[in-house]
Amino acid sequence: ELIHGIPRALPVRRALMVIPLSGEYERALEATERAPKPQIDYFEAREEDGFEVDVNGLISSLPLGYDALYLSNPGFPTGILTSKEDLLRVLAQTERHHTWFILDETSLDFLEEQSLKEKVNSSSRLVILRSFSNFFALPGLRVGYLLGSREAVQKIRNIHPPRTVNALGQIAASESLQDQAHIRRTKDWMPKERERLAQGLRSIPGFVPYPGTANFLLVQLLPFLGIDGGELREGLLSREILIGDCRPYRPLGPDFIFIAVRTRRENNLLIKALRRIVGNLPSSRKASHSG
């Protein structure tokens, strides 16, 4: 609701999206009733750069007349972090060119020191979206919040329907923020379990996990496997395991998947299932016979 409220509340005629990015932002712009529809341009975080954002190139694009810049940090579904120092450079340019900076920090809870949230009071153009779904495991309650200048928040509040979060969601969010023990445990546990999962994935021939910083990992499937992300997803669904298919996320394609970091037991089950699927692929059987 907040994502869809932004282009309805703020005058966005031309937007620049750093991709990969959640498709919800594009759908929100296309769903606006304003005529003409906003023009959307794209700035790719490229595979050859490890999906790191070319910040200098992005800054060079901002003088081209954009009303809004959309960027996720860390990237989704890449999990690749853009440093706070670099984002401050981007923020300075959006201020200079009067461009709204729509910054998605829904997966940044694990690296809170990298957030730009302390800049919202001094910036006239920064709008940050946060969520309770990832860090506090509350996806079903759909609880999130928006940070921005008084002017920006008021504009969005004016068009936002009241009471969109039910009482259960409000209670869960309030209690989550006060659970400092959970916050400390999670911040300590996540990097270790994420690296352990990455090691398990690297042990499977043809799987290349990227060095993410969130609670998920982007994984490339090398061509010799002979299976794409959609097919692998279907194979795991039959085992009641769900992974993310990257085909909807440009410029990612069928050779990429993303995997949530779960409990150690669940991660072990995933690795075991992946090894079985890969072991039954024609490419693996051919390799074993030739050996």
C-alpha atoms as a PDB file:
ATOM      1  CA  GLU A   1       0.000   0.000   0.000  1.00  0.00           C
ATOM      2  CA  LEU A   2       2.826   2.411   0.782  1.00  0.00           C
ATOM      3  CA  ILE A   3       4.597   1.457  -2.454  1.00  0.00           C
ATOM      4  CA  HIS A   4       1.451   2.230  -4.442  1.00  0.00           C
ATOM      5  CA  GLY A   5       0.816   5.386  -2.441  1.00  0.00           C
ATOM      6  CA  ILE A   6       4.121   7.032  -3.345  1.00  0.00           C
ATOM      7  CA  PRO A   7       3.466   7.702  -7.069  1.00  0.00           C
ATOM      8  CA  ARG A   8      -0.080   8.770  -6.258  1.00  0.00           C
ATOM      9  CA  ALA A   9       1.105  11.316  -3.688  1.00  0.00           C
ATOM     10  CA  LEU A  10       4.321  12.591  -5.256  1.00  0.00           C
ATOM     11  CA  PRO A  11       4.563  14.177  -8.715  1.00  0.00           C
ATOM     12  CA  VAL A  12       6.460  11.482 -10.619  1.00  0.00           C
ATOM     13  CA  ARG A  13       6.444  11.949 -14.384  1.00  0.00           C
ATOM     14  CA  ARG A  14       9.743  10.231 -15.100  1.00  0.00           C
ATOM     15  CA  ALA A  15      11.414   7.644 -12.872  1.00  0.00           C
ATOM     16  CA  LEU A  16      14.767   5.885 -12.858  1.00  0.00           C
ATOM     17  CA  MET A  17      14.798   2.376 -11.372  1.00  0.00           C
ATOM     18  CA  VAL A  18      17.970   0.607 -10.342  1.00  0.00           C
ATOM     19  CA  ILE A  19      17.351  -3.020 -11.248  1.00  0.00           C
ATOM     20  CA  PRO A  20      17.010  -5.789 -10.179  1.00  0.00           C
ATOM     21  CA  LEU A  21      14.169  -4.440  -8.019  1.00  0.00           C
ATOM     22  CA  SER A  22      10.836  -5.683  -6.720  1.00  0.00           C
ATOM     23  CA  GLY A  23       8.326  -5.487  -9.550  1.00  0.00           C
ATOM     24  CA  GLU A  24       5.812  -3.906  -7.190  1.00  0.00           C
ATOM     25  CA  TYR A  25       7.398  -0.494  -7.711  1.00  0.00           C
ATOM     26  CA  GLU A  26       6.964  -0.678 -11.472  1.00  0.00           C
ATOM     27  CA  ARG A  27       3.381  -1.910 -11.103  1.00  0.00           C
ATOM     28  CA  ALA A  28       2.648   0.968  -8.730  1.00  0.00           C
ATOM     29  CA  LEU A  29       3.860   3.544 -11.248  1.00  0.00           C
ATOM     30  CA  GLU A  30       1.950   1.922 -14.090  1.00  0.00           C
ATOM     31  CA  ALA A  31      -1.237   1.802 -11.988  1.00  0.00           C
ATOM     32  CA  THR A  32      -1.351   5.541 -11.343  1.00  0.00           C
ATOM     33  CA  GLU A  33      -4.365   7.317 -12.798  1.00  0.00           C
ATOM     34  CA  ARG A  34      -2.287  10.352 -13.724  1.00  0.00           C
ATOM     35  CA  ALA A  35      -2.069  11.088 -17.453  1.00  0.00           C
ATOM     36  CA  PRO A  36       0.238  10.594 -19.139  1.00  0.00           C
ATOM     37  CA  LYS A  37       1.588   7.508 -17.369  1.00  0.00           C
ATOM     38  CA  PRO A  38       5.027   7.979 -15.775  1.00  0.00           C
ATOM     39  CA  GLN A  39       7.975   7.148 -17.984  1.00  0.00           C
ATOM     40  CA  ILE A  40      10.248   4.498 -16.456  1.00  0.00           C
ATOM     41  CA  ASP A  41      13.936   4.169 -17.321  1.00  0.00           C
ATOM     42  CA  TYR A  42      16.236   1.487 -15.963  1.00  0.00           C
ATOM     43  CA  PHE A  43      19.771   1.482 -14.594  1.00  0.00           C
ATOM     44  CA  GLU A  44      21.178  -2.041 -14.419  1.00  0.00           C
ATOM     45  CA  ALA A  45      23.373  -3.485 -11.714  1.00  0.00           C
ATOM     46  CA  ARG A  46      25.282  -5.713 -14.118  1.00  0.00           C
ATOM     47  CA  GLU A  47      26.326  -9.325 -13.780  1.00  0.00           C
ATOM     48  CA  GLU A  48      29.890  -8.520 -14.870  1.00  0.00           C
ATOM     49  CA  ASP A  49      30.121  -6.188 -11.853  1.00  0.00           C
ATOM     50  CA  GLY A  50      28.828  -8.837  -9.469  1.00  0.00           C
ATOM     51  CA  PHE A  51      25.509  -6.931  -9.411  1.00  0.00           C
ATOM     52  CA  GLU A  52      27.122  -4.080  -7.513  1.00  0.00           C
ATOM     53  CA  VAL A  53      25.586  -0.713  -8.380  1.00  0.00           C
ATOM     54  CA  ASP A  54      27.859   1.522 -10.466  1.00  0.00           C
ATOM     55  CA  VAL A  55      27.344   4.553  -8.245  1.00  0.00           C
ATOM     56  CA  ASN A  56      29.366   6.907 -10.417  1.00  0.00           C
ATOM     57  CA  GLY A  57      27.345   5.918 -13.456  1.00  0.00           C
ATOM     58  CA  LEU A  58      24.119   6.312 -11.506  1.00  0.00           C
ATOM     59  CA  ILE A  59      25.068   9.800 -10.342  1.00  0.00           C
ATOM     60  CA  SER A  60      25.883  10.729 -13.943  1.00  0.00           C
ATOM     61  CA  SER A  61      22.347   9.700 -14.951  1.00  0.00           C
ATOM     62  CA  LEU A  62      20.519  11.847 -12.408  1.00  0.00           C
ATOM     63  CA  PRO A  63      20.772  15.195 -14.284  1.00  0.00           C
ATOM     64  CA  LEU A  64      18.644  13.730 -17.110  1.00  0.00           C
ATOM     65  CA  GLY A  65      15.374  15.044 -15.696  1.00  0.00           C
ATOM     66  CA  TYR A  66      14.111  12.352 -13.330  1.00  0.00           C
ATOM     67  CA  ASP A  67      11.446  13.076 -10.736  1.00  0.00           C
ATOM     68  CA  ALA A  68      12.187   9.919  -8.749  1.00  0.00           C
ATOM     69  CA  LEU A  69      14.983   7.414  -8.228  1.00  0.00           C
ATOM     70  CA  TYR A  70      14.088   3.934  -6.983  1.00  0.00           C
ATOM     71  CA  LEU A  71      16.798   1.790  -5.384  1.00  0.00           C
ATOM     72  CA  SER A  72      16.846  -1.177  -3.013  1.00  0.00           C
ATOM     73  CA  ASN A  73      19.650  -1.608  -0.472  1.00  0.00           C
ATOM     74  CA  PRO A  74      20.690  -4.326  -0.275  1.00  0.00           C
ATOM     75  CA  GLY A  75      19.605  -5.189  -3.790  1.00  0.00           C
ATOM     76  CA  PHE A  76      16.670  -7.517  -4.243  1.00  0.00           C
ATOM     77  CA  PRO A  77      16.977 -10.346  -4.958  1.00  0.00           C
ATOM     78  CA  THR A  78      20.764 -10.020  -5.240  1.00  0.00           C
ATOM     79  CA  GLY A  79      21.421  -9.194  -1.587  1.00  0.00           C
ATOM     80  CA  ILE A  80      24.365  -7.036  -2.711  1.00  0.00           C
ATOM     81  CA  LEU A  81      24.978  -4.016  -0.492  1.00  0.00           C
ATOM     82  CA  THR A  82      25.649  -0.478  -1.670  1.00  0.00           C
ATOM     83  CA  SER A  83      27.715   1.268   0.990  1.00  0.00           C
ATOM     84  CA  LYS A  84      26.245   4.059   3.063  1.00  0.00           C
ATOM     85  CA  GLU A  85      29.030   6.356   1.889  1.00  0.00           C
ATOM     86  CA  ASP A  86      28.030   5.817  -1.733  1.00  0.00           C
ATOM     87  CA  LEU A  87      24.335   6.277  -1.001  1.00  0.00           C
ATOM     88  CA  LEU A  88      25.061   9.585   0.702  1.00  0.00           C
ATOM     89  CA  ARG A  89      26.678  10.704  -2.540  1.00  0.00           C
ATOM     90  CA  VAL A  90      23.555   9.639  -4.413  1.00  0.00           C
ATOM     91  CA  LEU A  91      21.350  11.427  -1.873  1.00  0.00           C
ATOM     92  CA  ALA A  92      23.313  14.661  -2.315  1.00  0.00           C
ATOM     93  CA  GLN A  93      22.718  14.528  -6.074  1.00  0.00           C
ATOM     94  CA  THR A  94      19.000  13.796  -5.716  1.00  0.00           C
ATOM     95  CA  GLU A  95      18.726  16.852  -3.483  1.00  0.00           C
ATOM     96  CA  ARG A  96      20.624  18.917  -6.026  1.00  0.00           C
ATOM     97  CA  HIS A  97      18.391  17.833  -8.919  1.00  0.00           C
ATOM     98  CA  HIS A  98      15.113  17.871  -6.934  1.00  0.00           C
ATOM     99  CA  THR A  99      14.638  14.127  -7.436  1.00  0.00           C
ATOM    100  CA  TRP A 100      12.725  11.982  -4.954  1.00  0.00           C
ATOM    101  CA  PHE A 101      15.007   9.221  -3.632  1.00  0.00           C
ATOM    102  CA  ILE A 102      12.790   6.194  -2.923  1.00  0.00           C
ATOM    103  CA  LEU A 103      15.058   3.873  -0.942  1.00  0.00           C
ATOM    104  CA  ASP A 104      13.899   0.340  -0.127  1.00  0.00           C
ATOM    105  CA  GLU A 105      15.576  -0.814   3.100  1.00  0.00           C
ATOM    106  CA  THR A 106      13.258  -3.749   3.771  1.00  0.00           C
ATOM    107  CA  SER A 107      16.210  -6.169   3.986  1.00  0.00           C
ATOM    108  CA  LEU A 108      18.688  -3.881   5.752  1.00  0.00           C
ATOM    109  CA  ASP A 109      17.801  -4.809   9.348  1.00  0.00           C
ATOM    110  CA  PHE A 110      20.827  -7.086   9.536  1.00  0.00           C
ATOM    111  CA  LEU A 111      23.153  -4.128   8.818  1.00  0.00           C
ATOM    112  CA  GLU A 112      21.338  -1.295  10.544  1.00  0.00           C
ATOM    113  CA  GLU A 113      24.447   0.874  10.637  1.00  0.00           C
ATOM    114  CA  GLN A 114      24.197   1.170   6.835  1.00  0.00           C
ATOM    115  CA  SER A 115      20.738   2.774   6.943  1.00  0.00           C
ATOM    116  CA  LEU A 116      20.105   6.355   5.829  1.00  0.00           C
ATOM    117  CA  LYS A 117      17.211   6.743   8.261  1.00  0.00           C
ATOM    118  CA  GLU A 118      18.976   9.434  10.292  1.00  0.00           C
ATOM    119  CA  LYS A 119      18.973  11.607   7.156  1.00  0.00           C
ATOM    120  CA  VAL A 120      15.204  11.807   6.688  1.00  0.00           C
ATOM    121  CA  ASN A 121      14.791  14.868   8.907  1.00  0.00           C
ATOM    122  CA  SER A 122      17.467  16.870   7.114  1.00  0.00           C
ATOM    123  CA  SER A 123      16.594  15.738   3.595  1.00  0.00           C
ATOM    124  CA  SER A 124      13.685  17.071   1.572  1.00  0.00           C
ATOM    125  CA  ARG A 125      13.828  14.286  -1.005  1.00  0.00           C
ATOM    126  CA  LEU A 126      14.550  11.030   0.843  1.00  0.00           C
ATOM    127  CA  VAL A 127      11.771   8.467   1.359  1.00  0.00           C
ATOM    128  CA  ILE A 128      12.669   5.141   3.030  1.00  0.00           C
ATOM    129  CA  LEU A 129      10.536   2.016   3.157  1.00  0.00           C
ATOM    130  CA  ARG A 130      11.068  -0.566   5.904  1.00  0.00           C
ATOM    131  CA  SER A 131       9.363  -3.865   6.712  1.00  0.00           C
ATOM    132  CA  PHE A 132       8.921  -6.305   9.578  1.00  0.00           C
ATOM    133  CA  SER A 133       8.653  -9.277   7.208  1.00  0.00           C
ATOM    134  CA  ASN A 134      12.291 -10.346   6.943  1.00  0.00           C
ATOM    135  CA  PHE A 135      13.990  -9.644  10.245  1.00  0.00           C
ATOM    136  CA  PHE A 136      11.011 -10.261  12.533  1.00  0.00           C
ATOM    137  CA  ALA A 137       9.395 -13.008  10.398  1.00  0.00           C
ATOM    138  CA  LEU A 138       6.001 -11.278  10.136  1.00  0.00           C
ATOM    139  CA  PRO A 139       5.240 -11.602   6.390  1.00  0.00           C
ATOM    140  CA  GLY A 140       1.638 -12.685   6.830  1.00  0.00           C
ATOM    141  CA  LEU A 141       0.781  -9.571   8.844  1.00  0.00           C
ATOM    142  CA  ARG A 142       2.076  -7.219   6.116  1.00  0.00           C
ATOM    143  CA  VAL A 143       3.458  -4.671   8.553  1.00  0.00           C
ATOM    144  CA  GLY A 144       5.786  -1.970   7.270  1.00  0.00           C
ATOM    145  CA  TYR A 145       6.486   1.719   7.616  1.00  0.00           C
ATOM    146  CA  LEU A 146       7.742   4.734   5.711  1.00  0.00           C
ATOM    147  CA  LEU A 147      10.243   7.388   6.759  1.00  0.00           C
ATOM    148  CA  GLY A 148      10.617  10.767   5.128  1.00  0.00           C
ATOM    149  CA  SER A 149      10.460  14.506   5.540  1.00  0.00           C
ATOM    150  CA  ARG A 150       7.369  16.003   7.158  1.00  0.00           C
ATOM    151  CA  GLU A 151       6.215  17.239   3.746  1.00  0.00           C
ATOM    152  CA  ALA A 152       6.634  13.881   2.013  1.00  0.00           C
ATOM    153  CA  VAL A 153       4.992  11.907   4.812  1.00  0.00           C
ATOM    154  CA  GLN A 154       2.040  14.285   4.911  1.00  0.00           C
ATOM    155  CA  LYS A 155       1.493  14.015   1.163  1.00  0.00           C
ATOM    156  CA  ILE A 156       1.448  10.229   1.347  1.00  0.00           C
ATOM    157  CA  ARG A 157      -0.732  10.216   4.466  1.00  0.00           C
ATOM    158  CA  ASN A 158      -3.304  12.390   2.680  1.00  0.00           C
ATOM    159  CA  ILE A 159      -3.987   9.706   0.081  1.00  0.00           C
ATOM    160  CA  HIS A 160      -3.342   6.646   2.255  1.00  0.00           C
ATOM    161  CA  PRO A 161      -6.413   4.858   3.644  1.00  0.00           C
ATOM    162  CA  PRO A 162      -6.604   4.804   7.458  1.00  0.00           C
ATOM    163  CA  ARG A 163      -6.218   1.719   9.638  1.00  0.00           C
ATOM    164  CA  THR A 164      -4.553  -0.502   7.024  1.00  0.00           C
ATOM    165  CA  VAL A 165      -2.756  -2.514   9.738  1.00  0.00           C
ATOM    166  CA  ASN A 166      -4.995  -4.542  12.033  1.00  0.00           C
ATOM    167  CA  ALA A 167      -4.668  -4.687  15.816  1.00  0.00           C
ATOM    168  CA  LEU A 168      -2.748  -7.984  15.731  1.00  0.00           C
ATOM    169  CA  GLY A 169      -0.196  -6.522  13.341  1.00  0.00           C
ATOM    170  CA  GLN A 170       0.261  -3.407  15.479  1.00  0.00           C
ATOM    171  CA  ILE A 171       0.783  -5.473  18.624  1.00  0.00           C
ATOM    172  CA  ALA A 172       3.238  -7.826  16.896  1.00  0.00           C
ATOM    173  CA  ALA A 173       5.225  -4.905  15.465  1.00  0.00           C
ATOM    174  CA  SER A 174       5.390  -3.090  18.805  1.00  0.00           C
ATOM    175  CA  GLU A 175       6.479  -6.200  20.695  1.00  0.00           C
ATOM    176  CA  SER A 176       9.066  -7.062  18.029  1.00  0.00           C
ATOM    177  CA  LEU A 177      10.774  -3.706  18.329  1.00  0.00           C
ATOM    178  CA  GLN A 178      11.074  -4.159  22.078  1.00  0.00           C
ATOM    179  CA  ASP A 179      12.532  -7.679  21.852  1.00  0.00           C
ATOM    180  CA  GLN A 180      16.181  -6.693  22.080  1.00  0.00           C
ATOM    181  CA  ALA A 181      17.258 -10.259  22.853  1.00  0.00           C
ATOM    182  CA  HIS A 182      15.808 -11.479  19.556  1.00  0.00           C
ATOM    183  CA  ILE A 183      17.450  -8.607  17.696  1.00  0.00           C
ATOM    184  CA  ARG A 184      20.877  -9.404  19.171  1.00  0.00           C
ATOM    185  CA  ARG A 185      20.538 -13.158  18.560  1.00  0.00           C
ATOM    186  CA  THR A 186      19.393 -12.701  14.982  1.00  0.00           C
ATOM    187  CA  LYS A 187      22.166 -10.266  14.089  1.00  0.00           C
ATOM    188  CA  ASP A 188      24.712 -12.698  15.527  1.00  0.00           C
ATOM    189  CA  TRP A 189      23.182 -15.819  13.978  1.00  0.00           C
ATOM    190  CA  MET A 190      22.346 -14.667  10.448  1.00  0.00           C
ATOM    191  CA  PRO A 191      25.863 -14.023   9.027  1.00  0.00           C
ATOM    192  CA  LYS A 192      27.102 -17.375  10.335  1.00  0.00           C
ATOM    193  CA  GLU A 193      24.177 -19.402   9.016  1.00  0.00           C
ATOM    194  CA  ARG A 194      24.185 -17.515   5.717  1.00  0.00           C
ATOM    195  CA  GLU A 195      27.860 -18.352   5.162  1.00  0.00           C
ATOM    196  CA  ARG A 196      27.223 -21.968   6.174  1.00  0.00           C
ATOM    197  CA  LEU A 197      24.406 -22.183   3.617  1.00  0.00           C
ATOM    198  CA  ALA A 198      26.623 -20.560   0.984  1.00  0.00           C
ATOM    199  CA  GLN A 199      29.332 -23.168   1.631  1.00  0.00           C
ATOM    200  CA  GLY A 200      26.791 -25.940   1.207  1.00  0.00           C
ATOM    201  CA  LEU A 201      25.617 -24.455  -2.079  1.00  0.00           C
ATOM    202  CA  ARG A 202      29.184 -24.033  -3.333  1.00  0.00           C
ATOM    203  CA  SER A 203      29.750 -27.741  -2.678  1.00  0.00           C
ATOM    204  CA  ILE A 204      27.145 -28.608  -5.342  1.00  0.00           C
ATOM    205  CA  PRO A 205      28.646 -28.605  -8.863  1.00  0.00           C
ATOM    206  CA  GLY A 206      27.201 -25.797 -10.975  1.00  0.00           C
ATOM    207  CA  PHE A 207      25.891 -23.672  -8.082  1.00  0.00           C
ATOM    208  CA  VAL A 208      27.479 -20.238  -7.603  1.00  0.00           C
ATOM    209  CA  PRO A 209      26.136 -18.262  -4.605  1.00  0.00           C
ATOM    210  CA  TYR A 210      26.769 -14.513  -4.507  1.00  0.00           C
ATOM    211  CA  PRO A 211      28.105 -12.830  -1.331  1.00  0.00           C
ATOM    212  CA  GLY A 212      24.846 -11.398  -0.021  1.00  0.00           C
ATOM    213  CA  THR A 213      24.233  -9.370   3.130  1.00  0.00           C
ATOM    214  CA  ALA A 214      20.528 -10.117   3.728  1.00  0.00           C
ATOM    215  CA  ASN A 215      18.573 -13.183   4.820  1.00  0.00           C
ATOM    216  CA  PHE A 216      18.643 -14.660   1.320  1.00  0.00           C
ATOM    217  CA  LEU A 217      21.251 -15.607  -1.254  1.00  0.00           C
ATOM    218  CA  LEU A 218      21.323 -15.107  -5.010  1.00  0.00           C
ATOM    219  CA  VAL A 219      22.570 -18.253  -6.755  1.00  0.00           C
ATOM    220  CA  GLN A 220      23.655 -18.689 -10.369  1.00  0.00           C
ATOM    221  CA  LEU A 221      23.064 -22.034 -12.081  1.00  0.00           C
ATOM    222  CA  LEU A 222      25.830 -22.777 -14.559  1.00  0.00           C
ATOM    223  CA  PRO A 223      24.760 -23.884 -18.049  1.00  0.00           C
ATOM    224  CA  PHE A 224      26.283 -27.370 -17.904  1.00  0.00           C
ATOM    225  CA  LEU A 225      23.645 -28.373 -15.336  1.00  0.00           C
ATOM    226  CA  GLY A 226      20.959 -28.324 -18.021  1.00  0.00           C
ATOM    227  CA  ILE A 227      18.287 -27.032 -15.646  1.00  0.00           C
ATOM    228  CA  ASP A 228      16.953 -23.517 -15.129  1.00  0.00           C
ATOM    229  CA  GLY A 229      15.570 -21.801 -12.057  1.00  0.00           C
ATOM    230  CA  GLY A 230      11.932 -22.473 -12.904  1.00  0.00           C
ATOM    231  CA  GLU A 231      12.538 -26.193 -13.360  1.00  0.00           C
ATOM    232  CA  LEU A 232      14.559 -26.393 -10.165  1.00  0.00           C
ATOM    233  CA  ARG A 233      11.821 -24.547  -8.288  1.00  0.00           C
ATOM    234  CA  GLU A 234       9.235 -27.078  -9.493  1.00  0.00           C
ATOM    235  CA  GLY A 235      11.470 -29.963  -8.487  1.00  0.00           C
ATOM    236  CA  LEU A 236      11.828 -28.573  -4.974  1.00  0.00           C
ATOM    237  CA  LEU A 237       8.116 -27.794  -4.668  1.00  0.00           C
ATOM    238  CA  SER A 238       7.408 -31.502  -5.057  1.00  0.00           C
ATOM    239  CA  ARG A 239       9.546 -31.919  -1.941  1.00  0.00           C
ATOM    240  CA  GLU A 240       7.661 -29.099  -0.169  1.00  0.00           C
ATOM    241  CA  ILE A 241      10.618 -26.697  -0.398  1.00  0.00           C
ATOM    242  CA  LEU A 242      10.172 -23.216  -1.867  1.00  0.00           C
ATOM    243  CA  ILE A 243      12.884 -21.118  -3.529  1.00  0.00           C
ATOM    244  CA  GLY A 244      12.679 -17.898  -5.541  1.00  0.00           C
ATOM    245  CA  ASP A 245      12.625 -17.886  -9.336  1.00  0.00           C
ATOM    246  CA  CYS A 246      14.525 -14.845 -10.659  1.00  0.00           C
ATOM    247  CA  ARG A 247      12.917 -14.649 -14.099  1.00  0.00           C
ATOM    248  CA  PRO A 248      10.602 -11.761 -13.082  1.00  0.00           C
ATOM    249  CA  TYR A 249      13.580  -9.659 -11.950  1.00  0.00           C
ATOM    250  CA  ARG A 250      15.350  -7.921 -14.831  1.00  0.00           C
ATOM    251  CA  PRO A 251      18.169  -8.254 -15.808  1.00  0.00           C
ATOM    252  CA  LEU A 252      18.291 -11.601 -14.013  1.00  0.00           C
ATOM    253  CA  GLY A 253      17.072 -14.545 -16.030  1.00  0.00           C
ATOM    254  CA  PRO A 254      16.351 -18.264 -15.807  1.00  0.00           C
ATOM    255  CA  ASP A 255      19.909 -19.070 -14.726  1.00  0.00           C
ATOM    256  CA  PHE A 256      19.395 -17.420 -11.316  1.00  0.00           C
ATOM    257  CA  ILE A 257      17.472 -18.354  -8.173  1.00  0.00           C
ATOM    258  CA  PHE A 258      17.333 -16.853  -4.704  1.00  0.00           C
ATOM    259  CA  ILE A 259      17.180 -18.849  -1.508  1.00  0.00           C
ATOM    260  CA  ALA A 260      16.061 -17.755   1.959  1.00  0.00           C
ATOM    261  CA  VAL A 261      18.350 -18.468   4.903  1.00  0.00           C
ATOM    262  CA  ARG A 262      16.282 -20.662   7.196  1.00  0.00           C
ATOM    263  CA  THR A 263      17.055 -22.730  10.293  1.00  0.00           C
ATOM    264  CA  ARG A 264      20.052 -25.056  10.166  1.00  0.00           C
ATOM    265  CA  ARG A 265      17.769 -28.074   9.864  1.00  0.00           C
ATOM    266  CA  GLU A 266      15.815 -26.537   6.988  1.00  0.00           C
ATOM    267  CA  ASN A 267      19.001 -25.448   5.231  1.00  0.00           C
ATOM    268  CA  ASN A 268      20.392 -28.982   5.552  1.00  0.00           C
ATOM    269  CA  LEU A 269      17.201 -30.405   4.032  1.00  0.00           C
ATOM    270  CA  LEU A 270      17.489 -27.942   1.146  1.00  0.00           C
ATOM    271  CA  ILE A 271      21.108 -28.862   0.395  1.00  0.00           C
ATOM    272  CA  LYS A 272      20.249 -32.558   0.555  1.00  0.00           C
ATOM    273  CA  ALA A 273      17.304 -32.095  -1.836  1.00  0.00           C
ATOM    274  CA  LEU A 274      19.407 -30.049  -4.265  1.00  0.00           C
ATOM    275  CA  ARG A 275      22.106 -32.722  -4.334  1.00  0.00           C
ATOM    276  CA  ARG A 276      19.514 -35.367  -5.137  1.00  0.00           C
ATOM    277  CA  ILE A 277      18.007 -33.302  -7.957  1.00  0.00           C
ATOM    278  CA  VAL A 278      21.413 -32.475  -9.434  1.00  0.00           C
ATOM    279  CA  GLY A 279      22.531 -36.072  -9.090  1.00  0.00           C
ATOM    280  CA  ASN A 280      19.592 -37.205 -11.204  1.00  0.00           C
ATOM    281  CA  LEU A 281      20.202 -34.691 -13.995  1.00  0.00           C
ATOM    282  CA  PRO A 282      21.391 -36.103 -17.344  1.00  0.00           C
ATOM    283  CA  SER A 283      24.538 -33.979 -17.106  1.00  0.00           C
ATOM    284  CA  SER A 284      25.476 -35.592 -13.789  1.00  0.00           C
ATOM    285  CA  ARG A 285      24.732 -39.125 -14.989  1.00  0.00           C
ATOM    286  CA  LYS A 286      26.825 -38.507 -18.112  1.00  0.00           C
ATOM    287  CA  ALA A 287      29.731 -37.204 -16.031  1.00  0.00           C
ATOM    288  CA  SER A 288      29.590 -40.210 -13.699  1.00  0.00           C
ATOM    289  CA  HIS A 289      29.593 -42.685 -16.646  1.00  0.00           C
ATOM    290  CA  SER A 290      32.479 -40.937 -18.371  1.00  0.00           C
ATOM    291  CA  GLY A 291      34.429 -40.981 -15.128  1.00  0.00           C
END
